[in-house]
Protein backbone atom coordinates (compact mmCIF):
# COMPACT_ATOMS: atom_id res chain seq x y z
CA ILE A 1 2.13 16.31 -26.79
CA PRO A 2 4.73 14.05 -25.15
CA ASN A 3 7.98 15.56 -26.47
CA TYR A 4 7.20 19.16 -25.60
CA GLY A 5 9.99 20.45 -23.40
CA ARG A 6 12.27 17.49 -23.98
CA ARG A 7 15.57 17.37 -25.79
CA PRO A 8 15.20 14.45 -28.20
CA SER A 9 18.18 12.31 -29.12
CA ASN A 10 17.96 13.47 -32.75
CA ALA A 11 17.62 17.16 -31.90
CA SER A 12 19.99 18.19 -34.65
CA SER A 13 17.62 16.99 -37.37
CA LEU A 14 14.16 16.96 -35.84
CA ASN A 15 11.78 19.44 -37.45
CA TYR A 16 9.61 20.64 -34.61
CA PHE A 17 7.48 22.72 -36.94
CA ASP A 18 6.45 19.72 -39.03
CA ALA A 19 5.41 17.89 -35.85
CA ILE A 20 3.41 20.82 -34.51
CA ASP A 21 1.83 21.50 -37.88
CA HIS A 22 0.65 17.89 -38.08
CA ILE A 23 -0.85 17.90 -34.58
CA CYS A 24 -2.46 21.33 -34.89
CA ARG A 25 -4.06 20.50 -38.25
CA LYS A 26 -5.40 17.26 -36.83
CA GLU A 27 -6.91 18.98 -33.79
CA SER A 28 -8.22 22.14 -35.50
CA PRO A 29 -7.73 22.98 -39.19
CA SER A 30 -8.54 26.65 -38.51
CA LEU A 31 -6.00 27.08 -35.73
CA ASN A 32 -3.64 30.05 -35.99
CA GLY A 33 -0.73 30.16 -33.56
CA SER A 34 2.93 30.92 -33.05
CA LEU A 35 5.91 29.08 -31.59
CA ARG A 36 8.49 30.73 -29.37
CA PHE A 37 11.85 28.96 -29.08
CA PHE A 38 14.30 29.53 -26.23
CA ASP A 39 17.94 28.70 -25.71
CA THR A 40 17.91 26.91 -22.33
CA ASP A 41 21.43 27.99 -21.46
CA GLU A 42 20.41 31.65 -21.32
CA TYR A 43 16.62 31.37 -21.74
CA GLU A 44 16.75 34.05 -24.42
CA GLN A 45 14.18 33.84 -27.19
CA VAL A 46 15.85 32.80 -30.45
CA GLU A 47 12.85 32.46 -32.75
CA GLU A 48 9.14 33.14 -33.07
CA ARG A 49 7.27 31.99 -36.16
CA GLY A 50 3.90 30.70 -37.22
CA TYR A 51 3.40 27.05 -36.49
CA ASP A 52 3.25 26.12 -40.16
CA SER A 53 6.58 27.72 -41.07
CA LYS A 54 9.36 25.42 -42.18
CA ARG A 55 12.60 25.54 -40.33
CA THR A 56 14.90 22.74 -39.18
CA LEU A 57 16.59 23.36 -35.84
CA SER A 58 20.24 22.44 -35.49
CA SER A 59 21.12 23.66 -31.97
CA LYS A 60 20.82 20.93 -29.35
CA SER A 61 20.33 23.54 -26.61
CA VAL A 62 17.06 24.73 -28.13
CA ARG A 63 14.52 22.53 -26.40
CA PHE A 64 12.06 24.75 -24.57
CA PHE A 65 9.25 26.53 -26.32
CA GLY A 66 5.77 27.82 -25.74
CA VAL A 67 2.75 27.89 -27.99
CA ASN A 68 0.73 31.08 -28.07
CA LEU A 69 -2.66 29.96 -29.35
CA LYS A 70 -4.69 32.64 -31.09
CA ALA A 71 -7.77 30.50 -31.62
CA SER A 72 -9.44 27.88 -29.48
CA VAL A 73 -8.75 24.25 -30.26
CA SER A 74 -11.86 22.24 -30.97
CA HIS A 75 -10.58 19.24 -29.00
CA ALA A 76 -7.45 20.16 -27.08
CA PRO A 77 -4.89 17.38 -26.67
CA SER A 78 -5.75 16.58 -23.06
CA MET A 79 -5.42 13.04 -21.76
CA LEU A 80 -8.85 11.46 -21.48
CA ILE A 81 -9.72 7.95 -20.42
CA ALA A 82 -11.45 5.58 -22.79
CA ASP A 83 -15.03 6.82 -22.67
CA ASP A 84 -14.15 10.51 -22.10
CA THR A 85 -16.40 10.67 -19.01
CA VAL A 86 -13.52 11.43 -16.67
CA SER A 87 -10.91 14.00 -17.66
CA VAL A 88 -7.56 13.28 -16.10
CA GLY A 89 -5.95 16.62 -16.74
CA SER A 90 -5.51 19.41 -19.22
CA LEU A 91 -2.11 20.27 -20.64
CA ASP A 92 -2.67 23.95 -19.92
CA GLY A 93 0.38 25.30 -18.13
CA PHE A 94 2.74 22.65 -19.53
CA PRO A 95 5.61 23.24 -21.98
CA GLY A 96 4.13 23.56 -25.42
CA MET A 97 0.71 24.69 -24.19
CA LEU A 98 1.66 28.00 -22.57
CA SER A 99 0.18 31.41 -23.14
CA SER A 100 2.55 34.26 -23.95
CA ARG A 101 2.28 35.51 -20.33
CA GLN A 102 3.08 32.05 -18.98
CA VAL A 103 6.13 31.71 -21.22
CA ASP A 104 7.43 35.07 -20.02
CA SER A 105 6.92 33.98 -16.39
CA VAL A 106 8.83 30.71 -16.87
CA VAL A 107 11.71 32.52 -18.54
CA ALA A 108 11.72 35.16 -15.78
CA LEU A 109 11.78 32.42 -13.09
CA GLN A 110 14.72 30.66 -14.71
CA LYS A 111 16.69 33.92 -14.77
CA GLU A 112 15.80 34.73 -11.15
CA LEU A 113 16.97 31.30 -10.05
CA LYS A 114 20.43 32.02 -11.42
CA LEU A 115 20.69 34.88 -8.93
CA LYS A 116 19.65 32.72 -5.98
CA GLU A 117 21.70 30.34 -3.88
CA PRO A 118 22.14 26.81 -5.34
CA THR A 119 19.44 25.36 -3.07
CA TYR A 120 16.71 26.89 -5.23
CA GLN A 121 18.06 25.19 -8.34
CA GLN A 122 18.37 21.91 -6.45
CA MET A 123 14.68 22.06 -5.56
CA ILE A 124 13.77 22.62 -9.20
CA GLN A 125 15.99 19.74 -10.28
CA ALA A 126 14.87 17.29 -7.59
CA PHE A 127 13.66 14.84 -10.24
CA SER A 128 16.13 15.71 -12.97
CA GLY A 129 16.61 12.04 -13.79
CA VAL A 130 13.00 11.79 -14.97
CA GLU A 131 11.87 15.39 -15.44
CA SER A 132 13.40 17.94 -17.81
CA GLU A 133 13.96 21.49 -16.61
CA PRO A 134 11.12 23.08 -18.65
CA PHE A 135 8.59 20.70 -17.09
CA ALA A 136 9.98 21.38 -13.61
CA LEU A 137 9.86 25.14 -14.07
CA CYS A 138 6.29 24.99 -15.34
CA ARG A 139 5.32 22.76 -12.42
CA PHE A 140 6.52 25.32 -9.89
CA CYS A 141 4.88 28.14 -11.84
CA ARG A 142 1.51 26.39 -12.01
CA ALA A 143 1.52 26.16 -8.22
CA ARG A 144 1.31 29.96 -8.00
CA ASP A 145 -0.54 30.79 -11.21
CA PHE A 146 2.69 31.81 -12.95
CA ASP A 147 3.35 34.64 -10.48
CA VAL A 148 7.16 34.54 -10.26
CA SER A 149 7.40 36.51 -7.00
CA GLU A 150 4.98 34.13 -5.31
CA VAL A 151 6.85 31.09 -6.65
CA LEU A 152 10.10 32.38 -5.16
CA GLU A 153 8.35 33.16 -1.87
CA MET A 154 6.95 29.62 -1.78
CA MET A 155 10.41 28.17 -2.36
CA SER A 156 12.06 30.44 0.23
CA GLN A 157 9.86 28.98 2.96
CA HIS A 158 11.42 25.54 2.42
CA VAL A 159 15.07 26.38 1.74
CA ASP A 160 16.23 25.56 5.29
CA HIS A 161 14.17 22.35 5.35
CA TRP A 162 15.71 21.27 2.07
CA LYS A 163 19.26 21.99 3.24
CA GLU A 164 18.80 19.92 6.38
CA ALA A 165 17.30 16.95 4.55
CA ASN A 166 19.86 17.17 1.75
CA LYS A 167 22.71 16.92 4.28
CA HIS A 168 21.42 13.43 5.13
CA ASP A 169 20.72 12.35 1.53
CA PHE A 170 17.02 12.72 2.27
CA TYR A 171 17.21 9.85 4.79
CA GLU A 172 17.73 7.04 2.31
CA ASP A 173 18.35 4.71 5.26
CA ILE A 174 14.99 5.60 6.76
CA GLU A 175 14.98 2.80 9.33
CA ASN A 176 18.17 4.07 10.93
CA ALA A 177 17.04 7.70 10.63
CA VAL A 178 13.71 7.09 12.36
CA GLY A 179 14.85 4.33 14.70
CA ALA A 180 12.26 1.74 13.67
CA PRO A 181 11.61 -0.68 10.78
CA LEU A 182 9.75 0.78 7.82
CA SER A 183 7.12 -1.95 8.04
CA VAL A 184 6.31 -0.88 11.62
CA ILE A 185 6.15 2.81 10.73
CA LEU A 186 3.69 2.02 7.94
CA THR A 187 1.36 0.12 10.28
CA GLN A 188 0.78 3.42 12.09
CA TYR A 189 0.90 5.62 8.98
CA PRO A 190 -0.18 3.31 6.12
CA CYS A 191 0.83 5.13 2.95
CA ILE A 192 2.39 3.13 0.10
CA TYR A 193 3.02 3.29 -3.67
CA MET A 194 1.71 0.36 -5.72
CA GLY A 195 1.10 0.02 -9.46
CA ASN A 196 0.27 2.60 -12.14
CA SER A 197 -2.75 4.16 -13.78
CA LYS A 198 -3.64 3.59 -17.42
CA GLN A 199 -1.59 6.67 -18.34
CA GLY A 200 1.36 5.55 -16.23
CA PHE A 201 0.83 7.73 -13.15
CA PRO A 202 2.11 5.98 -9.99
CA VAL A 203 -0.69 5.18 -7.55
CA CYS A 204 -0.33 5.98 -3.86
CA TYR A 205 -2.69 4.35 -1.32
CA PHE A 206 -3.41 5.90 2.04
CA ASN A 207 -5.55 4.17 4.67
CA ALA A 208 -6.27 7.33 6.63
CA ALA A 209 -8.48 5.69 9.26
CA ALA A 210 -5.49 3.61 10.38
CA ILE A 211 -3.33 6.63 11.29
CA SER A 212 -2.35 6.46 14.93
CA SER A 213 -0.52 9.43 16.41
CA GLU A 214 -0.24 7.46 19.68
CA GLY A 215 1.40 4.57 17.84
CA LEU A 216 3.81 6.91 16.08
CA GLU A 217 4.71 8.45 19.43
CA CYS A 218 5.69 4.98 20.66
CA ILE A 219 8.00 4.56 17.66
CA THR A 220 9.69 7.88 17.07
CA THR A 221 9.86 11.60 17.81
CA THR A 222 8.33 14.49 15.88
CA ASP A 223 11.79 15.52 14.64
CA ASN A 224 12.34 12.05 13.25
CA PHE A 225 8.84 11.60 11.83
CA VAL A 226 9.36 14.52 9.43
CA LYS A 227 12.08 12.44 7.75
CA ILE A 228 9.51 9.95 6.45
CA PRO A 229 7.92 12.19 3.76
CA TRP A 230 11.39 13.26 2.59
CA PHE A 231 12.32 9.62 2.13
CA SER A 232 8.99 8.89 0.46
CA MET A 233 9.32 11.65 -2.15
CA MET A 234 13.05 11.60 -2.89
CA HIS A 235 13.53 7.84 -2.90
CA GLN A 236 10.26 5.94 -3.19
CA ALA A 237 8.43 8.33 -5.54
CA GLN A 238 11.61 8.90 -7.55
CA GLN A 239 11.88 5.16 -8.15
CA CYS A 240 8.20 4.97 -9.12
CA TYR A 241 8.66 7.68 -11.76
CA HIS A 242 11.71 5.94 -13.22
CA GLU A 243 9.74 2.69 -13.45
CA ALA A 244 6.76 4.50 -15.00
CA GLN A 245 8.91 5.99 -17.76
CA ALA A 246 10.41 2.58 -18.50
CA LYS A 247 6.99 0.89 -18.60
CA TYR A 248 5.03 3.68 -20.32
CA PRO A 249 7.09 5.37 -23.08
CA GLU A 250 4.61 8.26 -23.34
CA PHE A 251 4.74 9.01 -19.60
CA TYR A 252 6.21 12.47 -19.04
CA ARG A 253 4.10 14.26 -16.41
CA LEU A 254 5.51 13.83 -12.90
CA GLU A 255 2.17 13.39 -11.18
CA GLN A 256 0.58 10.67 -9.11
CA ILE A 257 -2.90 9.42 -8.28
CA THR A 258 -3.59 9.21 -4.56
CA ILE A 259 -6.42 7.07 -3.19
CA ILE A 260 -7.46 7.75 0.40
CA ASN A 261 -9.66 5.25 2.19
CA ILE A 262 -11.48 6.71 5.20
CA LYS A 263 -13.74 3.74 5.90
CA GLY A 264 -14.45 3.45 9.61
CA ILE A 265 -13.15 6.91 10.37
CA SER A 266 -14.80 8.74 13.26
CA ARG A 267 -14.91 12.34 14.42
CA SER A 268 -12.25 11.54 17.02
CA PHE A 269 -9.80 10.97 14.17
CA PHE A 270 -9.62 14.73 13.65
CA SER A 271 -7.84 15.25 16.95
CA SER A 272 -5.14 17.87 17.30
CA LYS A 273 -2.47 15.13 17.39
CA ASN A 274 -3.61 13.50 14.14
CA MET A 275 -3.96 16.86 12.44
CA ASP A 276 -0.41 17.71 13.54
CA VAL A 277 0.78 14.52 11.82
CA MET A 278 -1.01 15.58 8.64
CA LYS A 279 0.52 19.06 8.82
CA ILE A 280 4.02 17.60 9.13
CA MET A 281 3.48 15.52 6.01
CA ASN A 282 1.94 18.43 4.11
CA THR A 283 4.82 20.78 4.99
CA VAL A 284 7.27 18.52 3.18
CA LEU A 285 4.93 17.81 0.27
CA GLU A 286 4.71 21.56 -0.39
CA VAL A 287 8.36 21.39 -1.48
CA PHE A 288 7.17 19.30 -4.44
CA PRO A 289 4.29 21.34 -5.94
CA GLU A 290 1.83 20.24 -8.60
CA MET A 291 2.66 16.53 -8.40
CA LEU A 292 -0.86 15.43 -7.58
CA HIS A 293 -2.80 14.38 -10.65
CA ARG A 294 -5.96 13.28 -8.91
CA CYS A 295 -6.93 12.41 -5.32
CA ILE A 296 -9.88 10.09 -4.78
CA VAL A 297 -11.34 9.89 -1.27
CA ILE A 298 -13.47 6.78 -0.81
CA ASN A 299 -15.91 5.55 1.84
CA ALA A 300 -16.56 9.05 3.13
CA PRO A 301 -18.95 9.06 6.14
CA SER A 302 -21.88 11.45 6.37
CA PHE A 303 -20.01 13.92 8.62
CA PHE A 304 -17.06 14.22 6.23
CA SER A 305 -18.38 17.46 4.77
CA TRP A 306 -17.69 19.03 8.17
CA ALA A 307 -14.22 17.50 8.36
CA TRP A 308 -13.43 18.57 4.82
CA THR A 309 -13.60 22.23 5.85
CA LEU A 310 -10.80 21.54 8.36
CA ILE A 311 -8.66 19.60 5.90
CA LYS A 312 -8.89 22.24 3.18
CA ARG A 313 -7.26 24.75 5.51
CA ILE A 314 -3.93 22.91 5.28
CA LEU A 315 -4.16 22.23 1.54
CA ASP A 316 -3.02 24.36 -1.36
CA LYS A 317 -6.03 25.66 -3.34
CA ASN A 318 -4.83 23.96 -6.55
CA THR A 319 -4.54 20.67 -4.68
CA ALA A 320 -8.06 20.99 -3.25
CA LYS A 321 -9.47 21.28 -6.79
CA LYS A 322 -8.05 17.87 -7.72
CA ILE A 323 -9.85 15.97 -4.94
CA VAL A 324 -12.92 13.84 -5.63
CA VAL A 325 -14.94 12.38 -2.73
CA PHE A 326 -17.14 9.26 -2.80
CA SER A 327 -19.36 7.92 -0.05
CA SER A 328 -20.45 4.92 -2.14
CA GLU A 329 -17.87 2.15 -2.40
CA ASP A 330 -19.39 0.85 -5.66
CA LYS A 331 -19.31 4.25 -7.35
CA ALA A 332 -15.76 4.79 -6.17
CA ARG A 333 -14.66 1.44 -7.63
CA LYS A 334 -16.25 2.23 -11.01
CA TYR A 335 -14.47 5.57 -11.04
CA LEU A 336 -11.13 4.03 -10.06
CA LEU A 337 -11.38 1.37 -12.77
CA LYS A 338 -11.74 4.12 -15.37
CA LEU A 339 -8.35 5.42 -14.27
CA ILE A 340 -6.57 2.21 -13.26
CA ASP A 341 -6.68 -1.29 -14.76
CA GLU A 342 -8.09 -3.89 -12.38
CA SER A 343 -4.76 -5.77 -12.47
CA GLU A 344 -2.99 -2.61 -11.20
CA LEU A 345 -5.55 -1.69 -8.52
CA ALA A 346 -4.93 -3.01 -4.98
CA SER A 347 -7.26 -5.84 -3.99
CA ASP A 348 -8.48 -4.05 -0.86
CA PHE A 349 -9.48 -1.11 -3.07
CA GLY A 350 -11.51 -3.16 -5.55
CA GLY A 351 -8.82 -4.55 -7.85
CA SER A 352 -6.92 -7.81 -8.24
CA PHE A 353 -3.41 -6.54 -7.41
CA THR A 354 -1.61 -7.21 -4.11
CA SER A 355 -3.35 -5.79 -1.04
CA THR A 356 -1.81 -2.77 0.65
CA ASP A 357 -1.39 -4.75 3.90
CA GLN A 358 0.69 -7.39 2.10
CA ALA A 359 2.78 -4.73 0.41
CA ILE A 360 3.45 -2.95 3.72
CA LEU A 361 4.44 -6.27 5.30
CA LYS A 362 7.29 -6.61 2.80
CA GLN A 363 8.64 -3.07 3.20
CA GLY A 364 12.08 -2.51 4.69
CA LYS A 365 15.15 -4.60 5.35
CA ASN A 366 15.30 -8.39 5.76
CA ARG A 367 11.62 -9.00 4.96
CA SER A 368 11.89 -11.59 2.18
CA ASN A 369 10.74 -14.48 4.38
CA ILE A 370 8.13 -12.62 6.45
CA ALA A 371 4.91 -14.64 6.65
CA ARG A 372 2.60 -12.38 8.63
CA GLN A 373 2.52 -9.79 11.37
CA PHE A 374 0.34 -8.77 14.29
CA CYS A 375 0.32 -5.25 15.65
CA GLN A 376 -1.48 -4.09 18.80
CA LEU A 377 -1.55 -0.67 20.44
CA PHE A 378 -2.34 -0.81 24.14
CA HIS A 379 -3.50 2.18 26.16
CA TYR A 380 -3.36 2.80 29.89
CA SER A 381 -5.23 5.77 31.35
CA HIS A 382 -4.28 7.30 34.70
CA ILE A 383 -8.00 7.90 35.26
CA LEU A 384 -8.46 4.17 35.90
CA LYS A 385 -8.24 3.18 39.55
CA ASP A 386 -6.49 -0.16 38.90
CA LYS A 387 -3.13 -0.56 40.58
CA SER A 388 -1.92 -2.45 37.53
CA LYS A 389 -3.05 -2.79 33.94
CA GLU A 390 -2.81 -6.08 32.03
CA ILE A 391 -2.55 -6.21 28.25
CA SER A 392 -2.54 -9.36 26.13
CA HIS A 393 -2.60 -10.67 22.58
CA GLN A 394 -3.20 -14.22 21.36
CA PHE A 395 -1.52 -15.62 18.23
CA GLU A 396 -0.76 -18.89 16.47
CA LEU A 397 2.46 -20.40 15.16
CA THR A 398 2.72 -23.25 12.67
CA LYS A 399 5.68 -25.52 12.01
CA GLN A 400 8.83 -23.89 10.69
CA GLU A 401 7.93 -20.40 11.86
CA LYS A 402 9.95 -18.03 14.01
CA LEU A 403 8.49 -15.23 16.13
CA VAL A 404 10.16 -11.87 16.81
CA ILE A 405 8.28 -9.49 19.10
CA THR A 406 9.24 -5.85 19.52
CA ILE A 407 7.84 -3.55 22.19
CA TYR A 408 7.76 0.18 21.41
CA THR A 409 6.79 2.75 24.04
CA ARG A 410 7.55 6.02 25.79
CA CYS A 411 6.27 4.58 29.03
CA ARG A 412 8.80 4.93 31.85
CA GLN A 413 7.03 2.58 34.25
CA PRO A 414 8.09 -1.07 34.74
CA ILE A 415 6.38 -3.57 32.44
CA VAL A 416 6.63 -7.35 32.68
CA PHE A 417 5.78 -9.41 29.57
CA THR A 418 5.22 -13.15 29.53
CA LEU A 419 4.82 -15.67 26.71
CA THR A 420 2.41 -18.49 27.56
CA ASP A 421 1.67 -21.76 25.74
CA ASN A 422 -2.13 -21.93 25.81
CA SER A 423 -2.30 -25.73 25.46
CA SER A 424 -0.31 -26.34 28.67
CA ASN A 425 -0.82 -22.94 30.29
CA LYS A 426 2.95 -22.94 30.78
CA ILE A 427 4.94 -19.71 30.82
CA ILE A 428 7.65 -20.06 28.19
CA LYS A 429 9.41 -16.77 28.77
CA SER A 430 9.19 -13.81 31.13
CA ILE A 431 10.58 -10.48 29.96
CA PRO A 432 10.87 -7.54 32.37
CA ILE A 433 11.15 -4.13 30.73
CA GLU A 434 12.42 -1.57 33.20
CA THR A 435 13.12 2.14 33.00
CA LEU A 436 16.20 3.78 31.54
CA ASP A 437 18.43 5.69 33.89
CA LEU A 438 19.60 9.20 32.98
CA ASP A 439 23.13 8.28 31.79
CA GLN A 440 21.81 5.53 29.51
CA LEU A 441 19.14 7.75 27.98
CA GLU A 442 21.47 10.67 27.26
CA HIS A 443 24.00 8.31 25.63
CA HIS A 444 21.15 6.69 23.69
CA GLU A 445 19.87 10.05 22.39
CA HIS A 446 23.37 11.33 21.58
CA ASN A 447 23.88 8.43 19.20
CA GLY A 448 20.55 9.08 17.49
CA ASN A 449 19.36 5.51 18.04
CA HIS A 450 16.02 5.04 19.76
CA ARG A 451 16.29 1.30 20.13
CA SER A 452 16.73 0.42 23.74
CA PRO A 453 20.12 -0.54 25.19
CA ARG A 454 20.31 -2.86 28.20
CA ARG A 455 18.16 -1.42 30.96
CA LYS A 456 18.91 -1.05 34.63
CA SER A 457 16.34 -1.09 37.39
CA LYS A 458 17.59 2.24 38.72
CA ARG A 459 14.82 4.78 39.26
CA ARG A 460 14.70 7.36 36.48
CA SER A 461 15.77 10.94 37.18
CA SER A 462 13.13 13.63 37.01
CA SER A 463 15.26 15.46 34.43
CA ILE A 464 14.93 12.70 31.82
CA LYS A 465 13.08 13.84 28.71
CA GLU A 466 9.61 12.40 28.70
CA ASP A 467 9.28 12.30 24.92
CA THR A 468 12.00 9.81 24.03
CA PRO A 469 10.68 6.45 22.80
CA PHE A 470 12.55 3.21 23.23
CA SER A 471 12.11 -0.41 22.18
CA LYS A 472 12.97 -3.92 23.22
CA GLN A 473 13.09 -6.97 20.97
CA ILE A 474 12.06 -10.44 22.11
CA VAL A 475 12.96 -13.52 20.08
CA ALA A 476 10.80 -16.53 20.91
CA ASP A 477 13.29 -19.39 20.94
CA PHE A 478 10.85 -22.27 20.65
CA ASP A 479 9.76 -24.24 17.61
CA THR A 480 6.57 -25.95 18.82
CA PRO A 481 3.47 -25.03 16.83
CA GLY A 482 0.38 -23.98 18.73
CA THR A 483 -1.56 -21.07 20.18
CA PHE A 484 0.22 -18.64 22.46
CA THR A 485 -0.55 -15.51 24.47
CA LEU A 486 1.68 -12.53 25.01
CA SER A 487 0.72 -10.74 28.22
CA GLY A 488 2.07 -7.63 29.85
CA VAL A 489 1.44 -5.98 33.20
CA LEU A 490 2.05 -2.26 33.63
CA THR A 491 2.46 -0.94 37.16
CA PRO A 492 2.15 2.86 37.04
CA ASP A 493 2.94 5.21 39.88
CA HIS A 494 0.65 7.99 41.10
CA LYS A 495 2.34 10.51 38.77
CA SER A 496 1.70 8.54 35.58
CA ASN A 497 -0.02 10.12 32.62
CA ASP A 498 -1.75 8.20 29.85
CA GLU A 499 0.64 5.54 28.56
CA HIS A 500 0.76 3.76 25.18
CA ILE A 501 2.55 0.55 24.30
CA LEU A 502 2.88 -0.74 20.73
CA VAL A 503 3.46 -4.47 20.39
CA VAL A 504 4.57 -5.79 16.99
CA GLY A 505 4.98 -9.48 16.26
CA ASP A 506 6.80 -10.52 13.08
CA ILE A 507 6.38 -14.16 12.12
CA PHE A 508 9.00 -15.44 9.69
CA SER A 509 9.15 -18.66 7.70
CA THR A 510 12.26 -20.67 8.55
């Protein structure tokens, strides 16, 4: 029932009882129930009457109420898709569909929050622009089965995290906060919002098989990576919910549909590094409970049942219940199309909407004229006996295109990159990338910017932190179309560990 928990614009004259009576009679003529009204300033009960009583409310502050059903409804008002074969959620636990115990818990939580520091209230009101307080309170309560003490314990675990992120406006300028363009971050952690379901839920796509912890290590640090989910929830998701309410007038549940593609995933994906990345993301997502409407995992390999036991360990039990897994791509597509119109479903997931790769390409600043991108992660192992390791990537440029190459790495060994015109075999540009000295690195870290300053050839000090990534940008200042090769030679010393180098080429239309 869409307006449950909301304060309507005509609250002074709206007769809630007439509305409830109409809906209840339609759903079950034999239904007997009661309504409990609460003043949201004090959350004190001001009225309890049978649903068919007649009383016009005049106080604008009276907007939260529960329904204590004393008989089962023959066909409860849950949102079902067209053919009723896939339920997309019951309203149990939402304002207007609460048991007497649940109502008491929500009221108790609201009163407890008034005794807590302001951070607790800020967490509840994170989406206040699109979510009324009763819906937010119920959302937190559902996460812990309406056990108020457990809800407060859950929130207490994230108070310090919230304070830190809030100090930085939840990293709205994510590129500066992380030290890399958003489009590059998403190549190594491809998670993006696109389109809406038939009921208005924003759809989030996650190409899990493309996660690269090694690539992320080339771009940023663990401390900076945790900023990404904060940005995603407080800025990207927030915008999606605003757009959903504007596009779908009946949209009122702050939930999303997440589609995870694990095609091509192998057992090696479940390494400790990749699982650490997942845990970082999940830690932040726990601050925003009960926002998952449905999660559909597609293209699951035969061994996924084994992997699923590992994944469930880091998931909330309520979240785990909302996950559906498909090994068949055809069956997954049929299921998705019951939830999402084909025009709103990404083309690489079986729909006709923009592909996720194209959407990622456009993410971030100054991307309006981006034409395409290549991204290669190169790996050097100290186990190899080679004195040097060559890496290369071939690409094409057409007329009126400009190439910008950026090298991301934590490697502290000298690397020399060259750009070669394949038609003439002529070296167009040679770019040496040398190590940072101690003074440069400390100044670089102090300013919170991980993009590389000018480098000196001075040998690095042994006290330099090994986990600080840096980058170097190369602009190809030639306008001749053709096929070209970017090559790099890494010359490690005998103390080198495994090294990773991420090469990103952005090709812009001029």
